[in-house]
Amino acid sequence: MNESVLRLRLLALGVMAVVTLLLWLPLVGAAVVGSSATALLGIGGVSKNSNELHVAFLDVGQGDAIFIETPDGVQVLIDGGPDGSVVREITEVIAVGDRTIDLLIGTHPDKDHVAGLTDILARYEVAEVLRTENVNDTAASEAFDTAVESEGAKVTYARSGQVWRLGASTTLTILSPISDPAPWESNASSIVALLRYGTTEFLLTGDAPEGTEQYLVDQYGSSLKSEVLKLGHHGSRTSSSEDFLRVVEPQYAVVSAGKDNDYGHPHPEVVERVENVGAQLLSTAEAGTIIFISDGKVVRAITN
């Protein structure tokens, strides 16, 4: 075979290879786009569409732990409950193999809110931590402080007016504290935040007492209205005043509490107040982990 014929054959083979590649590329691209359009993240066994916000109130016993995943894939954990059980619970709502959290929030330094965060910080790579200056001398609070320092994550101290953009479509606005809460009583120092996606809102209150609720009503009024309200202090009667509930007008009121807890949470008075405003009361003590899904217009609840 002479050299010119060989060159022609090699050229023909090259052209065929390029044509084959061009034919296959659209098919490969379609497969990638199709798989990313509906990300199956295992949120409590519920498929997560790319236009949905998921908010899971984790069953960590007598304590708070809230896991948020936005439509843009930003992940937030607010509080971690009283012990390491949050590590087990979060694996039910986070993608298999995912070991990162974008924002971790410790609303205040009580054990039933921050003890589990120490275990989370030991197992997950956390990009940012939002907390307050309020501290106490309990072992759980001190362990949390040490874990935050060891993590090396960016630390921000919460102030009302801060707005966290959780991707392109979701915001988390800090409503309280208004100033340095270091000298305040622990519950009063709680970070209160409003999560908004589209026209739907979640009001997350930590252990904020009635005094803080009154401040919020005076300061923000009807803008507190939310489809989902996390009742302050696990449904204690020191929170969730009637005036506050009537301003918020929640569709759902959530209690994060342990089954048969020693405090009687949620308190019967709070249950009555919630019923009086027409909200549906959901408790982790009875339902286990509670998942809310928002498409930006409507919120629906999923329980076991």
C-alpha atoms as a PDB file:
ATOM      1  CA  MET A   1       0.000   0.000   0.000  1.00  0.00           C
ATOM      2  CA  ASN A   2       1.537   3.298  -1.060  1.00  0.00           C
ATOM      3  CA  GLU A   3       1.874   6.203   1.304  1.00  0.00           C
ATOM      4  CA  SER A   4      -0.870   8.354  -0.297  1.00  0.00           C
ATOM      5  CA  VAL A   5      -3.492   5.586   0.022  1.00  0.00           C
ATOM      6  CA  LEU A   6      -2.545   5.009   3.652  1.00  0.00           C
ATOM      7  CA  ARG A   7      -2.974   8.702   4.391  1.00  0.00           C
ATOM      8  CA  LEU A   8      -6.414   8.706   2.759  1.00  0.00           C
ATOM      9  CA  ARG A   9      -7.564   5.716   4.840  1.00  0.00           C
ATOM     10  CA  LEU A  10      -6.287   7.266   8.088  1.00  0.00           C
ATOM     11  CA  LEU A  11      -8.063  10.498   7.210  1.00  0.00           C
ATOM     12  CA  ALA A  12     -11.311   8.609   6.574  1.00  0.00           C
ATOM     13  CA  LEU A  13     -11.020   6.799   9.906  1.00  0.00           C
ATOM     14  CA  GLY A  14     -10.450  10.117  11.659  1.00  0.00           C
ATOM     15  CA  VAL A  15     -13.513  11.661  10.065  1.00  0.00           C
ATOM     16  CA  MET A  16     -15.638   8.656  11.083  1.00  0.00           C
ATOM     17  CA  ALA A  17     -14.399   8.944  14.677  1.00  0.00           C
ATOM     18  CA  VAL A  18     -15.280  12.639  14.846  1.00  0.00           C
ATOM     19  CA  VAL A  19     -18.758  12.028  13.380  1.00  0.00           C
ATOM     20  CA  THR A  20     -19.379   9.216  15.872  1.00  0.00           C
ATOM     21  CA  LEU A  21     -18.327  11.457  18.762  1.00  0.00           C
ATOM     22  CA  LEU A  22     -20.600  14.269  17.600  1.00  0.00           C
ATOM     23  CA  LEU A  23     -23.535  11.865  17.369  1.00  0.00           C
ATOM     24  CA  TRP A  24     -22.976  10.569  20.905  1.00  0.00           C
ATOM     25  CA  LEU A  25     -22.338  13.877  22.681  1.00  0.00           C
ATOM     26  CA  PRO A  26     -25.997  15.081  22.666  1.00  0.00           C
ATOM     27  CA  LEU A  27     -27.092  11.755  24.128  1.00  0.00           C
ATOM     28  CA  VAL A  28     -24.498  11.920  26.902  1.00  0.00           C
ATOM     29  CA  GLY A  29     -25.402  15.544  27.643  1.00  0.00           C
ATOM     30  CA  ALA A  30     -29.107  14.697  27.863  1.00  0.00           C
ATOM     31  CA  ALA A  31     -28.389  11.933  30.360  1.00  0.00           C
ATOM     32  CA  VAL A  32     -26.410  14.273  32.590  1.00  0.00           C
ATOM     33  CA  VAL A  33     -29.059  17.006  32.489  1.00  0.00           C
ATOM     34  CA  GLY A  34     -31.823  14.524  33.137  1.00  0.00           C
ATOM     35  CA  SER A  35     -30.114  13.061  36.202  1.00  0.00           C
ATOM     36  CA  SER A  36     -29.357  16.473  37.718  1.00  0.00           C
ATOM     37  CA  ALA A  37     -32.833  17.894  37.083  1.00  0.00           C
ATOM     38  CA  THR A  38     -34.249  15.534  39.715  1.00  0.00           C
ATOM     39  CA  ALA A  39     -31.669  14.987  42.434  1.00  0.00           C
ATOM     40  CA  LEU A  40     -32.593  11.970  44.553  1.00  0.00           C
ATOM     41  CA  LEU A  41     -31.139  13.040  47.872  1.00  0.00           C
ATOM     42  CA  GLY A  42     -32.921  10.648  50.178  1.00  0.00           C
ATOM     43  CA  ILE A  43     -34.611  13.340  52.265  1.00  0.00           C
ATOM     44  CA  GLY A  44     -36.378  10.998  54.631  1.00  0.00           C
ATOM     45  CA  GLY A  45     -36.940   8.658  51.681  1.00  0.00           C
ATOM     46  CA  VAL A  46     -38.582  11.478  49.701  1.00  0.00           C
ATOM     47  CA  SER A  47     -37.210  12.371  46.268  1.00  0.00           C
ATOM     48  CA  LYS A  48     -36.117  16.003  46.076  1.00  0.00           C
ATOM     49  CA  ASN A  49     -36.904  17.962  42.943  1.00  0.00           C
ATOM     50  CA  SER A  50     -34.618  20.816  41.968  1.00  0.00           C
ATOM     51  CA  ASN A  51     -37.345  23.422  42.603  1.00  0.00           C
ATOM     52  CA  GLU A  52     -38.139  22.321  46.170  1.00  0.00           C
ATOM     53  CA  LEU A  53     -37.079  23.497  49.593  1.00  0.00           C
ATOM     54  CA  HIS A  54     -36.889  20.759  52.221  1.00  0.00           C
ATOM     55  CA  VAL A  55     -36.965  21.509  55.954  1.00  0.00           C
ATOM     56  CA  ALA A  56     -36.656  18.551  58.343  1.00  0.00           C
ATOM     57  CA  PHE A  57     -37.303  18.816  62.078  1.00  0.00           C
ATOM     58  CA  LEU A  58     -35.187  15.905  63.266  1.00  0.00           C
ATOM     59  CA  ASP A  59     -36.275  13.526  66.000  1.00  0.00           C
ATOM     60  CA  VAL A  60     -33.468  14.067  68.527  1.00  0.00           C
ATOM     61  CA  GLY A  61     -35.512  13.648  71.694  1.00  0.00           C
ATOM     62  CA  GLN A  62     -35.873  16.595  74.061  1.00  0.00           C
ATOM     63  CA  GLY A  63     -34.066  19.159  71.949  1.00  0.00           C
ATOM     64  CA  ASP A  64     -33.945  20.998  68.635  1.00  0.00           C
ATOM     65  CA  ALA A  65     -32.305  20.048  65.344  1.00  0.00           C
ATOM     66  CA  ILE A  66     -33.485  21.410  61.989  1.00  0.00           C
ATOM     67  CA  PHE A  67     -31.912  20.421  58.666  1.00  0.00           C
ATOM     68  CA  ILE A  68     -32.543  22.630  55.631  1.00  0.00           C
ATOM     69  CA  GLU A  69     -31.717  21.928  52.007  1.00  0.00           C
ATOM     70  CA  THR A  70     -32.548  24.653  49.500  1.00  0.00           C
ATOM     71  CA  PRO A  71     -33.431  24.214  45.826  1.00  0.00           C
ATOM     72  CA  ASP A  72     -29.866  25.312  45.057  1.00  0.00           C
ATOM     73  CA  GLY A  73     -28.413  22.540  47.206  1.00  0.00           C
ATOM     74  CA  VAL A  74     -27.298  24.745  50.119  1.00  0.00           C
ATOM     75  CA  GLN A  75     -27.432  22.821  53.403  1.00  0.00           C
ATOM     76  CA  VAL A  76     -28.026  24.333  56.830  1.00  0.00           C
ATOM     77  CA  LEU A  77     -28.234  22.675  60.250  1.00  0.00           C
ATOM     78  CA  ILE A  78     -29.858  24.685  63.042  1.00  0.00           C
ATOM     79  CA  ASP A  79     -29.045  23.210  66.474  1.00  0.00           C
ATOM     80  CA  GLY A  80     -28.099  19.604  67.180  1.00  0.00           C
ATOM     81  CA  GLY A  81     -30.133  18.322  70.079  1.00  0.00           C
ATOM     82  CA  PRO A  82     -28.908  17.052  73.465  1.00  0.00           C
ATOM     83  CA  ASP A  83     -26.553  14.270  72.335  1.00  0.00           C
ATOM     84  CA  GLY A  84     -24.990  12.405  69.432  1.00  0.00           C
ATOM     85  CA  SER A  85     -28.305  11.050  68.150  1.00  0.00           C
ATOM     86  CA  VAL A  86     -28.331  13.912  65.636  1.00  0.00           C
ATOM     87  CA  VAL A  87     -25.567  12.134  63.713  1.00  0.00           C
ATOM     88  CA  ARG A  88     -27.837   9.143  63.155  1.00  0.00           C
ATOM     89  CA  GLU A  89     -30.850  11.289  62.305  1.00  0.00           C
ATOM     90  CA  ILE A  90     -29.067  13.535  59.827  1.00  0.00           C
ATOM     91  CA  THR A  91     -27.956  10.538  57.766  1.00  0.00           C
ATOM     92  CA  GLU A  92     -31.640   9.970  57.015  1.00  0.00           C
ATOM     93  CA  VAL A  93     -32.007  13.373  55.372  1.00  0.00           C
ATOM     94  CA  ILE A  94     -28.630  14.055  53.783  1.00  0.00           C
ATOM     95  CA  ALA A  95     -27.262  12.438  50.639  1.00  0.00           C
ATOM     96  CA  VAL A  96     -25.253   9.253  51.132  1.00  0.00           C
ATOM     97  CA  GLY A  97     -21.564  10.087  51.308  1.00  0.00           C
ATOM     98  CA  ASP A  98     -22.168  13.823  51.818  1.00  0.00           C
ATOM     99  CA  ARG A  99     -19.854  15.032  54.573  1.00  0.00           C
ATOM    100  CA  THR A 100     -20.239  18.792  54.195  1.00  0.00           C
ATOM    101  CA  ILE A 101     -22.604  21.366  55.683  1.00  0.00           C
ATOM    102  CA  ASP A 102     -22.630  24.932  54.397  1.00  0.00           C
ATOM    103  CA  LEU A 103     -23.949  26.700  57.494  1.00  0.00           C
ATOM    104  CA  LEU A 104     -24.273  25.469  61.064  1.00  0.00           C
ATOM    105  CA  ILE A 105     -26.281  27.534  63.560  1.00  0.00           C
ATOM    106  CA  GLY A 106     -26.219  27.210  67.337  1.00  0.00           C
ATOM    107  CA  THR A 107     -29.201  29.287  68.459  1.00  0.00           C
ATOM    108  CA  HIS A 108     -28.028  29.488  72.082  1.00  0.00           C
ATOM    109  CA  PRO A 109     -25.641  27.532  74.334  1.00  0.00           C
ATOM    110  CA  ASP A 110     -28.057  25.216  76.180  1.00  0.00           C
ATOM    111  CA  LYS A 111     -27.211  21.512  76.069  1.00  0.00           C
ATOM    112  CA  ASP A 112     -30.418  20.470  74.294  1.00  0.00           C
ATOM    113  CA  HIS A 113     -29.437  22.710  71.375  1.00  0.00           C
ATOM    114  CA  VAL A 114     -25.641  22.538  71.031  1.00  0.00           C
ATOM    115  CA  ALA A 115     -24.449  19.243  72.551  1.00  0.00           C
ATOM    116  CA  GLY A 116     -25.104  17.320  69.351  1.00  0.00           C
ATOM    117  CA  LEU A 117     -23.389  19.986  67.242  1.00  0.00           C
ATOM    118  CA  THR A 118     -20.078  18.907  68.758  1.00  0.00           C
ATOM    119  CA  ASP A 119     -20.553  15.476  67.181  1.00  0.00           C
ATOM    120  CA  ILE A 120     -21.567  17.044  63.874  1.00  0.00           C
ATOM    121  CA  LEU A 121     -18.442  19.206  63.804  1.00  0.00           C
ATOM    122  CA  ALA A 122     -16.343  16.110  64.421  1.00  0.00           C
ATOM    123  CA  ARG A 123     -17.844  14.248  61.439  1.00  0.00           C
ATOM    124  CA  TYR A 124     -18.719  16.914  58.881  1.00  0.00           C
ATOM    125  CA  GLU A 125     -16.784  19.678  57.187  1.00  0.00           C
ATOM    126  CA  VAL A 126     -18.613  22.887  58.091  1.00  0.00           C
ATOM    127  CA  ALA A 127     -17.991  26.013  56.032  1.00  0.00           C
ATOM    128  CA  GLU A 128     -19.573  28.618  58.355  1.00  0.00           C
ATOM    129  CA  VAL A 129     -20.891  28.818  61.909  1.00  0.00           C
ATOM    130  CA  LEU A 130     -23.501  31.317  63.070  1.00  0.00           C
ATOM    131  CA  ARG A 131     -23.853  31.746  66.822  1.00  0.00           C
ATOM    132  CA  THR A 132     -24.201  34.355  69.565  1.00  0.00           C
ATOM    133  CA  GLU A 133     -21.810  35.662  72.183  1.00  0.00           C
ATOM    134  CA  ASN A 134     -23.976  34.168  74.926  1.00  0.00           C
ATOM    135  CA  VAL A 135     -22.142  31.364  76.725  1.00  0.00           C
ATOM    136  CA  ASN A 136     -22.539  29.312  79.860  1.00  0.00           C
ATOM    137  CA  ASP A 137     -20.191  27.196  81.930  1.00  0.00           C
ATOM    138  CA  THR A 138     -21.766  23.813  81.213  1.00  0.00           C
ATOM    139  CA  ALA A 139     -19.676  21.002  79.770  1.00  0.00           C
ATOM    140  CA  ALA A 140     -21.845  20.931  76.623  1.00  0.00           C
ATOM    141  CA  SER A 141     -21.358  24.648  75.961  1.00  0.00           C
ATOM    142  CA  GLU A 142     -17.619  24.442  76.533  1.00  0.00           C
ATOM    143  CA  ALA A 143     -17.320  21.397  74.249  1.00  0.00           C
ATOM    144  CA  PHE A 144     -19.216  23.255  71.517  1.00  0.00           C
ATOM    145  CA  ASP A 145     -16.896  26.277  71.835  1.00  0.00           C
ATOM    146  CA  THR A 146     -13.847  24.013  71.542  1.00  0.00           C
ATOM    147  CA  ALA A 147     -15.283  22.154  68.548  1.00  0.00           C
ATOM    148  CA  VAL A 148     -16.055  25.409  66.711  1.00  0.00           C
ATOM    149  CA  GLU A 149     -12.532  26.669  67.295  1.00  0.00           C
ATOM    150  CA  SER A 150     -11.010  23.386  66.121  1.00  0.00           C
ATOM    151  CA  GLU A 151     -13.164  23.323  62.962  1.00  0.00           C
ATOM    152  CA  GLY A 152     -11.566  26.488  61.652  1.00  0.00           C
ATOM    153  CA  ALA A 153     -14.802  27.510  59.954  1.00  0.00           C
ATOM    154  CA  LYS A 154     -15.797  31.133  59.460  1.00  0.00           C
ATOM    155  CA  VAL A 155     -17.674  32.301  62.582  1.00  0.00           C
ATOM    156  CA  THR A 156     -20.307  35.035  62.526  1.00  0.00           C
ATOM    157  CA  TYR A 157     -22.189  36.430  65.516  1.00  0.00           C
ATOM    158  CA  ALA A 158     -25.892  36.853  64.858  1.00  0.00           C
ATOM    159  CA  ARG A 159     -27.590  40.259  64.718  1.00  0.00           C
ATOM    160  CA  SER A 160     -31.057  41.207  63.579  1.00  0.00           C
ATOM    161  CA  GLY A 161     -31.026  42.466  60.016  1.00  0.00           C
ATOM    162  CA  GLN A 162     -28.461  39.989  58.704  1.00  0.00           C
ATOM    163  CA  VAL A 163     -29.624  38.215  55.557  1.00  0.00           C
ATOM    164  CA  TRP A 164     -28.088  34.922  54.501  1.00  0.00           C
ATOM    165  CA  ARG A 165     -28.586  34.065  50.838  1.00  0.00           C
ATOM    166  CA  LEU A 166     -28.858  30.310  50.609  1.00  0.00           C
ATOM    167  CA  GLY A 167     -28.365  30.069  46.873  1.00  0.00           C
ATOM    168  CA  ALA A 168     -30.247  32.137  44.316  1.00  0.00           C
ATOM    169  CA  SER A 169     -33.769  31.520  45.559  1.00  0.00           C
ATOM    170  CA  THR A 170     -33.811  31.241  49.365  1.00  0.00           C
ATOM    171  CA  THR A 171     -33.003  33.648  52.192  1.00  0.00           C
ATOM    172  CA  LEU A 172     -32.548  33.323  55.936  1.00  0.00           C
ATOM    173  CA  THR A 173     -33.124  36.620  57.749  1.00  0.00           C
ATOM    174  CA  ILE A 174     -32.025  37.067  61.354  1.00  0.00           C
ATOM    175  CA  LEU A 175     -34.700  38.781  63.467  1.00  0.00           C
ATOM    176  CA  SER A 176     -33.078  38.476  66.914  1.00  0.00           C
ATOM    177  CA  PRO A 177     -30.889  39.206  68.868  1.00  0.00           C
ATOM    178  CA  ILE A 178     -30.786  42.935  68.240  1.00  0.00           C
ATOM    179  CA  SER A 179     -27.500  43.450  70.149  1.00  0.00           C
ATOM    180  CA  ASP A 180     -24.782  41.537  71.988  1.00  0.00           C
ATOM    181  CA  PRO A 181     -26.723  38.971  74.085  1.00  0.00           C
ATOM    182  CA  ALA A 182     -23.782  37.903  76.249  1.00  0.00           C
ATOM    183  CA  PRO A 183     -25.387  39.197  79.488  1.00  0.00           C
ATOM    184  CA  TRP A 184     -28.876  37.943  78.626  1.00  0.00           C
ATOM    185  CA  GLU A 185     -30.649  34.906  80.011  1.00  0.00           C
ATOM    186  CA  SER A 186     -29.815  31.985  77.746  1.00  0.00           C
ATOM    187  CA  ASN A 187     -33.239  31.397  76.168  1.00  0.00           C
ATOM    188  CA  ALA A 188     -33.724  35.112  75.530  1.00  0.00           C
ATOM    189  CA  SER A 189     -30.461  35.116  73.571  1.00  0.00           C
ATOM    190  CA  SER A 190     -31.842  32.608  71.046  1.00  0.00           C
ATOM    191  CA  ILE A 191     -31.276  33.310  67.383  1.00  0.00           C
ATOM    192  CA  VAL A 192     -34.666  33.812  65.733  1.00  0.00           C
ATOM    193  CA  ALA A 193     -34.650  33.466  61.949  1.00  0.00           C
ATOM    194  CA  LEU A 194     -37.135  33.711  59.082  1.00  0.00           C
ATOM    195  CA  LEU A 195     -36.540  31.283  56.224  1.00  0.00           C
ATOM    196  CA  ARG A 196     -38.161  32.384  52.969  1.00  0.00           C
ATOM    197  CA  TYR A 197     -38.546  30.584  49.649  1.00  0.00           C
ATOM    198  CA  GLY A 198     -40.849  32.154  47.089  1.00  0.00           C
ATOM    199  CA  THR A 199     -43.945  33.246  48.964  1.00  0.00           C
ATOM    200  CA  THR A 200     -43.544  30.642  51.734  1.00  0.00           C
ATOM    201  CA  GLU A 201     -41.954  31.284  55.134  1.00  0.00           C
ATOM    202  CA  PHE A 202     -40.691  29.305  58.116  1.00  0.00           C
ATOM    203  CA  LEU A 203     -40.272  31.150  61.434  1.00  0.00           C
ATOM    204  CA  LEU A 204     -37.640  29.421  63.575  1.00  0.00           C
ATOM    205  CA  THR A 205     -37.511  30.629  67.161  1.00  0.00           C
ATOM    206  CA  GLY A 206     -35.072  28.540  69.207  1.00  0.00           C
ATOM    207  CA  ASP A 207     -36.157  28.857  72.845  1.00  0.00           C
ATOM    208  CA  ALA A 208     -37.294  32.470  72.549  1.00  0.00           C
ATOM    209  CA  PRO A 209     -39.627  33.404  75.438  1.00  0.00           C
ATOM    210  CA  GLU A 210     -42.727  35.617  75.352  1.00  0.00           C
ATOM    211  CA  GLY A 211     -40.648  38.760  75.926  1.00  0.00           C
ATOM    212  CA  THR A 212     -38.734  38.133  72.706  1.00  0.00           C
ATOM    213  CA  GLU A 213     -41.976  37.308  70.912  1.00  0.00           C
ATOM    214  CA  GLN A 214     -43.435  40.662  71.961  1.00  0.00           C
ATOM    215  CA  TYR A 215     -40.340  42.436  70.652  1.00  0.00           C
ATOM    216  CA  LEU A 216     -40.739  40.615  67.326  1.00  0.00           C
ATOM    217  CA  VAL A 217     -44.406  41.588  67.078  1.00  0.00           C
ATOM    218  CA  ASP A 218     -43.621  45.231  67.868  1.00  0.00           C
ATOM    219  CA  GLN A 219     -40.700  45.333  65.445  1.00  0.00           C
ATOM    220  CA  TYR A 220     -41.936  43.284  62.476  1.00  0.00           C
ATOM    221  CA  GLY A 221     -45.713  42.997  62.815  1.00  0.00           C
ATOM    222  CA  SER A 222     -47.500  41.178  60.007  1.00  0.00           C
ATOM    223  CA  SER A 223     -44.237  40.405  58.184  1.00  0.00           C
ATOM    224  CA  LEU A 224     -43.840  37.566  60.711  1.00  0.00           C
ATOM    225  CA  LYS A 225     -46.669  35.688  59.012  1.00  0.00           C
ATOM    226  CA  SER A 226     -45.391  32.192  58.157  1.00  0.00           C
ATOM    227  CA  GLU A 227     -46.729  28.892  56.944  1.00  0.00           C
ATOM    228  CA  VAL A 228     -44.586  27.038  59.487  1.00  0.00           C
ATOM    229  CA  LEU A 229     -43.750  28.160  63.032  1.00  0.00           C
ATOM    230  CA  LYS A 230     -41.280  26.312  65.241  1.00  0.00           C
ATOM    231  CA  LEU A 231     -42.831  26.855  68.668  1.00  0.00           C
ATOM    232  CA  GLY A 232     -40.391  28.362  71.150  1.00  0.00           C
ATOM    233  CA  HIS A 233     -38.895  26.287  73.970  1.00  0.00           C
ATOM    234  CA  HIS A 234     -40.362  22.945  72.844  1.00  0.00           C
ATOM    235  CA  GLY A 235     -43.946  24.038  73.421  1.00  0.00           C
ATOM    236  CA  SER A 236     -43.400  25.447  76.909  1.00  0.00           C
ATOM    237  CA  ARG A 237     -46.085  27.837  78.162  1.00  0.00           C
ATOM    238  CA  THR A 238     -43.352  30.494  78.601  1.00  0.00           C
ATOM    239  CA  SER A 239     -43.429  30.854  74.798  1.00  0.00           C
ATOM    240  CA  SER A 240     -46.028  30.898  72.010  1.00  0.00           C
ATOM    241  CA  SER A 241     -48.221  33.656  73.401  1.00  0.00           C
ATOM    242  CA  GLU A 242     -51.675  34.109  71.929  1.00  0.00           C
ATOM    243  CA  ASP A 243     -50.787  37.529  70.477  1.00  0.00           C
ATOM    244  CA  PHE A 244     -47.676  36.134  68.808  1.00  0.00           C
ATOM    245  CA  LEU A 245     -49.549  33.191  67.301  1.00  0.00           C
ATOM    246  CA  ARG A 246     -52.276  35.454  65.928  1.00  0.00           C
ATOM    247  CA  VAL A 247     -49.701  37.654  64.194  1.00  0.00           C
ATOM    248  CA  VAL A 248     -47.749  34.728  62.721  1.00  0.00           C
ATOM    249  CA  GLU A 249     -50.923  32.881  61.626  1.00  0.00           C
ATOM    250  CA  PRO A 250     -49.107  29.578  61.045  1.00  0.00           C
ATOM    251  CA  GLN A 251     -50.564  26.780  58.996  1.00  0.00           C
ATOM    252  CA  TYR A 252     -48.353  24.367  60.929  1.00  0.00           C
ATOM    253  CA  ALA A 253     -46.944  24.708  64.457  1.00  0.00           C
ATOM    254  CA  VAL A 254     -44.029  22.396  65.251  1.00  0.00           C
ATOM    255  CA  VAL A 255     -42.913  21.128  68.649  1.00  0.00           C
ATOM    256  CA  SER A 256     -39.440  19.618  68.940  1.00  0.00           C
ATOM    257  CA  ALA A 257     -39.639  17.485  72.066  1.00  0.00           C
ATOM    258  CA  GLY A 258     -38.952  14.023  73.418  1.00  0.00           C
ATOM    259  CA  LYS A 259     -41.653  11.418  73.846  1.00  0.00           C
ATOM    260  CA  ASP A 260     -42.993  11.301  77.429  1.00  0.00           C
ATOM    261  CA  ASN A 261     -40.605  14.118  78.399  1.00  0.00           C
ATOM    262  CA  ASP A 262     -40.454  15.212  82.041  1.00  0.00           C
ATOM    263  CA  TYR A 263     -41.542  18.776  81.225  1.00  0.00           C
ATOM    264  CA  GLY A 264     -44.964  17.973  79.820  1.00  0.00           C
ATOM    265  CA  HIS A 265     -44.103  19.586  76.479  1.00  0.00           C
ATOM    266  CA  PRO A 266     -46.086  20.699  74.663  1.00  0.00           C
ATOM    267  CA  HIS A 267     -47.974  22.340  77.501  1.00  0.00           C
ATOM    268  CA  PRO A 268     -51.785  22.001  77.304  1.00  0.00           C
ATOM    269  CA  GLU A 269     -52.162  25.788  77.320  1.00  0.00           C
ATOM    270  CA  VAL A 270     -49.943  26.046  74.243  1.00  0.00           C
ATOM    271  CA  VAL A 271     -51.870  23.274  72.497  1.00  0.00           C
ATOM    272  CA  GLU A 272     -55.087  25.211  73.133  1.00  0.00           C
ATOM    273  CA  ARG A 273     -53.561  28.457  71.839  1.00  0.00           C
ATOM    274  CA  VAL A 274     -52.424  26.722  68.662  1.00  0.00           C
ATOM    275  CA  GLU A 275     -55.860  25.228  68.118  1.00  0.00           C
ATOM    276  CA  ASN A 276     -57.457  28.641  68.659  1.00  0.00           C
ATOM    277  CA  VAL A 277     -55.537  30.127  65.716  1.00  0.00           C
ATOM    278  CA  GLY A 278     -56.436  27.194  63.471  1.00  0.00           C
ATOM    279  CA  ALA A 279     -52.922  25.795  63.078  1.00  0.00           C
ATOM    280  CA  GLN A 280     -52.094  22.108  62.811  1.00  0.00           C
ATOM    281  CA  LEU A 281     -49.839  21.022  65.675  1.00  0.00           C
ATOM    282  CA  LEU A 282     -47.088  18.545  64.807  1.00  0.00           C
ATOM    283  CA  SER A 283     -44.673  17.148  67.389  1.00  0.00           C
ATOM    284  CA  THR A 284     -41.513  15.112  66.916  1.00  0.00           C
ATOM    285  CA  ALA A 285     -42.453  13.355  70.158  1.00  0.00           C
ATOM    286  CA  GLU A 286     -45.373  11.760  68.351  1.00  0.00           C
ATOM    287  CA  ALA A 287     -44.481  11.878  64.657  1.00  0.00           C
ATOM    288  CA  GLY A 288     -40.709  11.434  64.730  1.00  0.00           C
ATOM    289  CA  THR A 289     -38.841  13.466  62.135  1.00  0.00           C
ATOM    290  CA  ILE A 290     -41.170  15.926  60.389  1.00  0.00           C
ATOM    291  CA  ILE A 291     -40.370  17.032  56.834  1.00  0.00           C
ATOM    292  CA  PHE A 292     -41.819  20.078  55.113  1.00  0.00           C
ATOM    293  CA  ILE A 293     -41.562  20.574  51.373  1.00  0.00           C
ATOM    294  CA  SER A 294     -42.158  23.920  49.672  1.00  0.00           C
ATOM    295  CA  ASP A 295     -42.371  24.623  45.947  1.00  0.00           C
ATOM    296  CA  GLY A 296     -42.261  28.342  46.692  1.00  0.00           C
ATOM    297  CA  LYS A 297     -46.050  28.649  46.756  1.00  0.00           C
ATOM    298  CA  VAL A 298     -47.398  25.855  48.934  1.00  0.00           C
ATOM    299  CA  VAL A 299     -45.974  23.984  51.915  1.00  0.00           C
ATOM    300  CA  ARG A 300     -46.855  20.364  52.615  1.00  0.00           C
ATOM    301  CA  ALA A 301     -45.897  18.202  55.574  1.00  0.00           C
ATOM    302  CA  ILE A 302     -44.674  14.594  55.553  1.00  0.00           C
ATOM    303  CA  THR A 303     -44.688  12.513  58.731  1.00  0.00           C
ATOM    304  CA  ASN A 304     -44.176   8.848  59.468  1.00  0.00           C
END
